[in-house]
Protein backbone atom coordinates (compact mmCIF):
# COMPACT_ATOMS: atom_id res chain seq x y z
CA MET A 1 1.84 -41.39 79.72
CA SER A 2 5.27 -41.70 78.11
CA PHE A 3 6.36 -43.46 74.90
CA PRO A 4 9.53 -45.39 74.35
CA ALA A 5 12.31 -43.50 72.50
CA SER A 6 12.09 -45.84 69.53
CA SER A 7 8.39 -45.04 69.08
CA ARG A 8 9.03 -41.26 69.19
CA ARG A 9 11.76 -41.59 66.55
CA LYS A 10 9.40 -43.55 64.28
CA LYS A 11 6.66 -40.87 64.48
CA LEU A 12 9.17 -38.09 63.73
CA ALA A 13 10.37 -39.90 60.63
CA LEU A 14 6.80 -40.29 59.40
CA ALA A 15 6.11 -36.55 59.93
CA ILE A 16 9.19 -35.56 57.94
CA ALA A 17 8.21 -37.90 55.11
CA ALA A 18 4.71 -36.41 55.01
CA GLY A 19 6.13 -32.87 54.90
CA LEU A 20 8.40 -33.76 52.01
CA ALA A 21 5.47 -35.27 50.14
CA VAL A 22 3.48 -32.06 50.55
CA ALA A 23 6.44 -29.94 49.43
CA LEU A 24 7.09 -32.12 46.41
CA SER A 25 3.41 -32.07 45.55
CA GLY A 26 3.48 -28.27 45.55
CA ALA A 27 6.58 -28.20 43.37
CA VAL A 28 5.06 -30.52 40.82
CA THR A 29 1.84 -28.47 40.72
CA SER A 30 3.70 -25.19 40.12
CA ALA A 31 5.76 -26.74 37.32
CA ALA A 32 2.75 -28.19 35.48
CA PRO A 33 2.29 -27.11 31.84
CA ALA A 34 0.22 -23.96 31.19
CA ALA A 35 -3.23 -24.20 29.66
CA ASN A 36 -3.50 -24.74 25.91
CA THR A 37 -2.82 -21.46 24.03
CA ALA A 38 -4.08 -22.40 20.59
CA PRO A 39 -4.45 -19.54 18.06
CA VAL A 40 -7.93 -18.05 17.95
CA VAL A 41 -7.26 -15.21 15.52
CA VAL A 42 -5.02 -14.42 12.55
CA VAL A 43 -3.58 -10.89 12.37
CA VAL A 44 -2.35 -9.33 9.11
CA ASP A 45 0.74 -7.40 10.23
CA SER A 46 2.14 -6.08 6.95
CA VAL A 47 2.05 -6.29 3.17
CA THR A 48 5.28 -5.75 1.24
CA SER A 49 6.68 -6.14 -2.27
CA ASP A 50 10.10 -6.70 -3.82
CA VAL A 51 10.25 -3.18 -5.30
CA VAL A 52 13.24 -1.19 -4.04
CA ILE A 53 12.14 2.35 -3.17
CA PRO A 54 14.68 5.16 -3.69
CA SER A 55 15.87 6.57 -0.38
CA GLY A 56 14.84 10.06 0.66
CA LEU A 57 11.31 10.06 -0.74
CA PRO A 58 8.69 11.79 1.45
CA GLY A 59 6.84 9.26 3.57
CA ALA A 60 3.33 10.66 3.10
CA ALA A 61 3.65 10.58 -0.68
CA LEU A 62 4.72 6.94 -0.77
CA PRO A 63 1.98 4.39 -1.40
CA TYR A 64 1.69 1.75 1.31
CA VAL A 65 2.92 -0.86 -1.18
CA VAL A 66 4.55 -0.19 -4.55
CA VAL A 67 3.94 -3.15 -6.83
CA LYS A 68 2.85 -3.69 -10.41
CA ALA A 69 0.63 -6.42 -11.81
CA GLY A 70 2.37 -9.78 -11.57
CA GLY A 71 4.83 -8.56 -8.95
CA THR A 72 5.27 -10.55 -5.75
CA ILE A 73 3.30 -9.48 -2.68
CA ARG A 74 4.32 -10.83 0.73
CA VAL A 75 1.69 -10.91 3.48
CA THR A 76 3.08 -11.29 7.00
CA VAL A 77 0.62 -12.66 9.55
CA SER A 78 0.81 -13.57 13.23
CA PHE A 79 -1.36 -15.70 15.49
CA LEU A 80 -2.87 -14.78 18.86
CA ASP A 81 -4.54 -16.82 21.58
CA ALA A 82 -7.70 -15.95 23.52
CA LEU A 83 -5.70 -13.63 25.80
CA GLY A 84 -4.19 -11.75 22.88
CA GLN A 85 -0.79 -13.37 23.38
CA PRO A 86 1.37 -14.83 20.58
CA ALA A 87 0.42 -18.42 19.83
CA ALA A 88 1.41 -21.21 17.47
CA PHE A 89 -0.22 -24.23 15.87
CA THR A 90 0.86 -27.65 17.11
CA LYS A 91 1.05 -28.96 13.54
CA ASP A 92 1.61 -27.50 10.08
CA THR A 93 -1.55 -25.60 9.12
CA ARG A 94 -2.77 -24.49 5.71
CA LEU A 95 -3.30 -20.75 5.23
CA THR A 96 -5.65 -19.24 2.65
CA VAL A 97 -5.46 -15.72 1.22
CA SER A 98 -8.15 -13.87 -0.73
CA SER A 99 -8.54 -10.39 -2.24
CA ASN A 100 -11.54 -8.09 -2.47
CA VAL A 101 -10.59 -7.20 -6.06
CA GLY A 102 -8.73 -8.85 -8.91
CA THR A 103 -7.36 -12.37 -9.16
CA LEU A 104 -4.54 -13.77 -7.04
CA SER A 105 -1.90 -15.98 -8.62
CA SER A 106 -1.74 -18.10 -5.46
CA THR A 107 -4.30 -18.47 -2.67
CA THR A 108 -2.54 -20.72 -0.15
CA GLY A 109 0.36 -20.66 2.27
CA LEU A 110 1.62 -22.57 5.29
CA ALA A 111 1.95 -21.89 9.00
CA ARG A 112 4.68 -24.12 10.39
CA ALA A 113 4.12 -25.97 13.65
CA GLY A 114 5.53 -24.03 16.58
CA GLU A 115 5.88 -20.77 14.62
CA GLN A 116 3.96 -17.70 15.82
CA SER A 117 3.99 -15.98 12.40
CA ALA A 118 4.09 -16.81 8.71
CA VAL A 119 4.57 -15.15 5.33
CA VAL A 120 2.27 -15.83 2.38
CA ALA A 121 3.54 -14.90 -1.09
CA THR A 122 1.18 -14.15 -3.96
CA SER A 123 0.54 -11.59 -6.71
CA LEU A 124 -2.35 -9.90 -8.49
CA THR A 125 -2.51 -10.65 -12.17
CA ALA A 126 -3.94 -7.29 -13.31
CA PRO A 127 -3.83 -3.66 -12.11
CA VAL A 128 -6.50 -2.80 -9.52
CA ASN A 129 -7.09 -0.23 -6.78
CA ARG A 130 -7.55 -0.43 -3.02
CA VAL A 131 -6.69 -4.07 -2.49
CA VAL A 132 -7.78 -5.64 0.81
CA LEU A 133 -6.31 -9.04 1.66
CA THR A 134 -7.85 -11.59 4.03
CA VAL A 135 -5.89 -14.52 5.48
CA GLY A 136 -7.46 -17.53 7.17
CA ALA A 137 -5.97 -20.61 8.84
CA GLY A 138 -7.29 -24.15 8.83
CA SER A 139 -10.96 -25.03 8.55
CA GLY A 140 -13.87 -26.17 10.65
CA PRO A 141 -15.54 -24.77 13.78
CA LYS A 142 -12.25 -24.52 15.71
CA ALA A 143 -10.42 -22.57 13.01
CA PRO A 144 -9.12 -19.15 14.11
CA ALA A 145 -10.90 -16.01 12.98
CA ALA A 146 -9.45 -14.74 9.70
CA GLY A 147 -7.36 -11.57 9.61
CA THR A 148 -7.73 -8.67 7.18
CA SER A 149 -5.48 -5.86 6.00
CA TYR A 150 -8.20 -3.23 6.44
CA VAL A 151 -10.20 -2.52 9.60
CA PRO A 152 -11.88 0.93 9.41
CA GLY A 153 -10.54 3.25 12.07
CA VAL A 154 -8.02 0.66 13.24
CA LYS A 155 -5.76 -0.47 10.41
CA ASP A 156 -5.44 0.53 6.76
CA LEU A 157 -2.98 -1.49 4.68
CA ARG A 158 -4.85 -1.05 1.40
CA PHE A 159 -2.76 -0.61 -1.73
CA ASP A 160 -2.99 -0.23 -5.51
CA VAL A 161 -1.51 -2.59 -8.10
CA LEU A 162 0.10 -0.60 -10.92
CA SER A 163 0.00 -1.11 -14.66
CA ASP A 164 3.65 -0.16 -15.04
CA LEU A 165 6.54 1.14 -12.97
CA SER A 166 9.74 2.85 -14.05
CA PRO A 167 13.17 1.93 -12.77
CA ALA A 168 14.63 4.47 -10.35
CA LEU A 169 15.64 7.41 -12.55
CA THR A 170 18.68 9.54 -11.77
CA ALA A 171 17.99 13.22 -11.17
CA THR A 172 20.82 15.64 -10.42
CA ASN A 173 20.21 18.05 -7.57
CA GLY A 174 20.14 21.54 -9.09
CA SER A 175 19.97 20.46 -12.75
CA ALA A 176 16.87 20.16 -14.94
CA PHE A 177 15.21 16.76 -15.15
CA ALA A 178 12.64 15.64 -17.72
CA ALA A 179 11.11 12.21 -18.24
CA GLY A 180 7.93 10.78 -19.68
CA PHE A 181 6.13 7.62 -18.69
CA GLY A 182 3.18 5.71 -20.10
CA GLY A 183 1.46 6.22 -23.44
CA GLN A 184 3.59 5.68 -26.53
CA ASP A 185 7.39 6.05 -26.49
CA SER A 186 7.58 7.34 -22.91
CA CYS A 187 4.61 9.65 -23.36
CA VAL A 188 5.67 11.26 -26.61
CA GLN A 189 1.94 10.92 -27.10
CA ALA A 190 -1.06 9.30 -25.46
CA THR A 191 -2.87 6.58 -27.38
CA GLU A 192 -6.35 5.10 -27.49
CA ALA A 193 -5.04 2.00 -25.70
CA ALA A 194 -3.08 4.05 -23.12
CA PRO A 195 -5.07 7.30 -23.09
CA VAL A 196 -3.37 9.07 -20.17
CA CYS A 197 0.38 9.49 -19.59
CA GLU A 198 2.73 11.96 -17.89
CA VAL A 199 5.80 14.05 -18.63
CA VAL A 200 7.59 15.22 -15.48
CA LEU A 201 9.57 18.48 -15.65
CA LEU A 202 11.75 19.28 -12.63
CA PRO A 203 13.64 22.51 -13.47
CA ARG A 204 15.98 22.14 -10.49
CA GLY A 205 16.13 18.37 -10.45
CA ALA A 206 15.50 16.43 -7.24
CA GLY A 207 17.19 15.46 -4.02
CA SER A 208 16.64 11.78 -4.77
CA GLN A 209 16.07 9.41 -7.62
CA VAL A 210 12.70 9.73 -9.36
CA LEU A 211 10.14 6.93 -9.55
CA LEU A 212 7.31 7.13 -12.10
CA SER A 213 4.28 4.86 -12.36
CA VAL A 214 0.95 4.42 -14.10
CA GLY A 215 -2.07 2.70 -12.58
CA VAL A 216 -5.74 2.30 -13.42
CA CYS A 217 -8.75 4.48 -12.75
CA ASP A 218 -12.03 3.16 -11.35
CA THR A 219 -14.78 2.61 -13.91
CA ASP A 220 -17.34 2.38 -11.11
CA ARG A 221 -19.44 5.57 -11.28
CA THR A 222 -19.65 5.71 -7.49
CA SER A 223 -15.87 5.77 -6.97
CA THR A 224 -14.47 8.76 -5.14
CA TYR A 225 -10.96 7.31 -4.97
CA ALA A 226 -9.66 7.36 -8.55
CA PRO A 227 -12.67 7.81 -10.85
CA CYS A 228 -12.27 7.45 -14.59
CA PHE A 229 -12.96 10.39 -16.89
CA ARG A 230 -16.20 10.43 -18.85
CA GLY A 231 -15.60 12.18 -22.14
CA ALA A 232 -18.06 14.24 -24.15
CA LYS A 233 -18.70 11.33 -26.51
CA GLY A 234 -19.52 8.94 -23.69
CA VAL A 235 -16.06 7.37 -23.66
CA VAL A 236 -14.97 6.26 -20.19
CA GLY A 237 -11.30 5.81 -19.43
CA GLY A 238 -8.09 7.21 -18.06
CA ALA A 239 -5.24 6.24 -15.77
CA VAL A 240 -3.54 7.35 -12.57
CA ALA A 241 0.03 8.57 -13.00
CA GLN A 242 2.43 9.19 -10.13
CA ALA A 243 5.75 11.03 -9.85
CA LEU A 244 7.76 10.41 -6.68
CA PHE A 245 10.78 12.60 -5.88
CA SER A 246 12.28 14.55 -2.99
CA GLN A 247 12.86 18.29 -3.02
CA PRO A 248 16.12 19.66 -4.45
CA SER A 249 18.33 21.94 -2.35
CA SER A 250 16.36 24.87 -3.75
CA PRO A 251 12.79 23.61 -3.15
CA TYR A 252 9.90 24.05 -5.55
CA GLU A 253 7.62 26.92 -4.55
CA VAL A 254 4.42 28.61 -5.70
CA ASP A 255 6.25 30.97 -8.09
CA SER A 256 8.82 28.41 -9.25
CA PRO A 257 7.01 25.06 -9.32
CA ALA A 258 7.60 21.72 -10.95
CA THR A 259 5.34 20.76 -13.86
CA ILE A 260 3.56 17.53 -14.68
CA ILE A 261 2.23 17.52 -18.24
CA VAL A 262 -0.74 15.16 -18.23
CA LYS A 263 -1.47 14.06 -21.79
CA CYS A 264 -4.90 12.70 -22.72
CA ASP A 265 -5.70 11.02 -26.03
CA LYS A 266 -8.23 12.69 -28.33
CA THR A 267 -10.52 9.64 -28.16
CA LEU A 268 -11.08 10.43 -24.49
CA CYS A 269 -10.48 14.17 -24.11
CA GLY A 270 -10.98 15.53 -27.62
CA GLY A 271 -13.70 18.06 -28.45
CA GLY A 272 -15.16 20.86 -26.37
CA SER A 273 -13.32 23.50 -24.41
CA ILE A 274 -9.94 22.55 -22.99
CA ARG A 275 -11.11 24.04 -19.69
CA GLY A 276 -13.79 21.37 -19.64
CA VAL A 277 -11.03 18.88 -18.89
CA SER A 278 -9.26 19.01 -15.55
CA VAL A 279 -6.71 17.07 -13.56
CA ILE A 280 -7.52 15.19 -10.38
CA TYR A 281 -4.71 14.70 -7.88
CA SER A 282 -3.59 13.68 -4.41
CA LEU A 283 -0.41 14.50 -2.51
CA LEU A 284 -0.82 11.27 -0.53
CA GLY A 285 0.36 7.89 -1.72
CA ASN A 286 -3.06 6.31 -1.21
CA GLY A 287 -5.31 9.37 -0.96
CA SER A 288 -8.50 9.94 -2.94
CA LEU A 289 -8.04 12.12 -6.03
CA ALA A 290 -9.69 15.56 -6.05
CA ALA A 291 -10.04 18.12 -8.84
CA ALA A 292 -7.31 20.74 -9.18
CA ASP A 293 -8.38 24.37 -9.58
CA ALA A 294 -7.12 26.66 -12.33
CA CYS A 295 -3.84 28.45 -11.56
CA PRO A 296 -4.08 32.22 -10.94
CA ALA A 297 -1.39 32.99 -13.54
CA LYS A 298 1.07 31.30 -15.89
CA ASN A 299 3.56 29.12 -14.06
CA THR A 300 2.21 30.27 -10.68
CA MET A 301 0.41 28.31 -7.97
CA ALA A 302 -2.17 29.91 -5.70
CA ALA A 303 -0.77 28.40 -2.48
CA PRO A 304 1.76 25.84 -1.23
CA ALA A 305 0.70 22.20 -1.40
CA THR A 306 -2.19 23.16 -3.70
CA PRO A 307 -1.47 21.91 -7.23
CA CYS A 308 -3.33 23.71 -10.01
CA VAL A 309 -3.87 23.47 -13.77
CA ASP A 310 -2.06 26.14 -15.78
CA TYR A 311 -4.56 26.64 -18.60
CA VAL A 312 -2.36 29.37 -20.11
CA GLN A 313 0.21 26.73 -21.07
CA SER A 314 -2.25 23.85 -21.54
CA LYS A 315 -3.08 23.07 -25.17
CA ARG A 316 -4.18 20.57 -27.79
CA ASP A 317 -1.52 19.26 -30.12
CA GLY A 318 -1.79 18.75 -33.86
CA SER A 319 -3.35 15.30 -33.45
CA GLY A 320 -6.07 16.60 -31.11
CA ASP A 321 -4.59 15.21 -27.88
CA THR A 322 -4.99 17.38 -24.77
CA HIS A 323 -1.91 18.48 -22.79
CA LEU A 324 -2.74 19.79 -19.32
CA TYR A 325 0.05 21.54 -17.39
CA LEU A 326 -0.28 20.72 -13.71
CA LEU A 327 1.90 22.85 -11.42
CA THR A 328 3.06 21.34 -8.14
CA ASP A 329 5.61 22.00 -5.42
CA ARG A 330 5.96 18.34 -4.41
CA ASP A 331 5.49 14.77 -5.65
CA ILE A 332 2.00 13.85 -6.69
CA ARG A 333 -0.55 11.33 -8.04
CA THR A 334 -2.66 12.55 -10.94
CA GLY A 335 -5.42 11.58 -13.33
CA ILE A 336 -7.90 13.18 -15.71
CA GLY A 337 -11.10 14.46 -14.11
């Protein structure tokens, strides 16, 4: 059976139209918006401060953040979806920040709509150790999981908030440098209110500027990070002093070290044998402090990277304050132990 030509042309036109419809349908489907990628977790990426660090300082000796009480801390966070991809809120969302220790000057921030990251600015009002910050977003059952600056074995952005921080001090490479920090009159002497301070002696100067700081010790008896000293009369106190510098052209060595004189007020360290008082130290910016051994001889260390107390030079001054001579071949954090 045959069909008229006009009928065949009509059927062909209908087939072409159907094919175009299918093709267009496929195009529209492939161009459809992706599934909703709302944030399901907040990630703390970094914590920074406004302190300018002298260039050239050894990386391991630098604390993760250098900031003193009241100084601005900036917490950078990002947002991820359920697939771990960057995500953004569809509307401005309130952020909250909290600390495991101390008191924050501000506890809120803002994530802008469409932005995959945000910065929250705050500060801690008093010196504290090992700060962990947590940042959350929004509220209710659909709020993303909060992010933290410390996840054991994964991420460690903990930091200390200092009592005081020196400006960057000029040290000439090859020339003697001496500076005190903390206590009274730049550590001319320690006081009952500021019982531990430091005098830094660099006989050959440094290859960078020098940064000095004083922080707090931990009064918690269980602390193994920066424990306070417990004196013979039951007095508990101390401080953590740090000296940051890079090596001069002629580096410090075991038989020609740098010296940190750690001064301790008589109300804390007075009485008993001077060898009953030691120095605790760490060569890491955020490492736990450990007791230094006695040096084998005057002005001589036992081994590289092993600071020691030179009890030959250590003494008590006329007021009864204790001066402990700590020998080191690199920058260091110290306290009384």
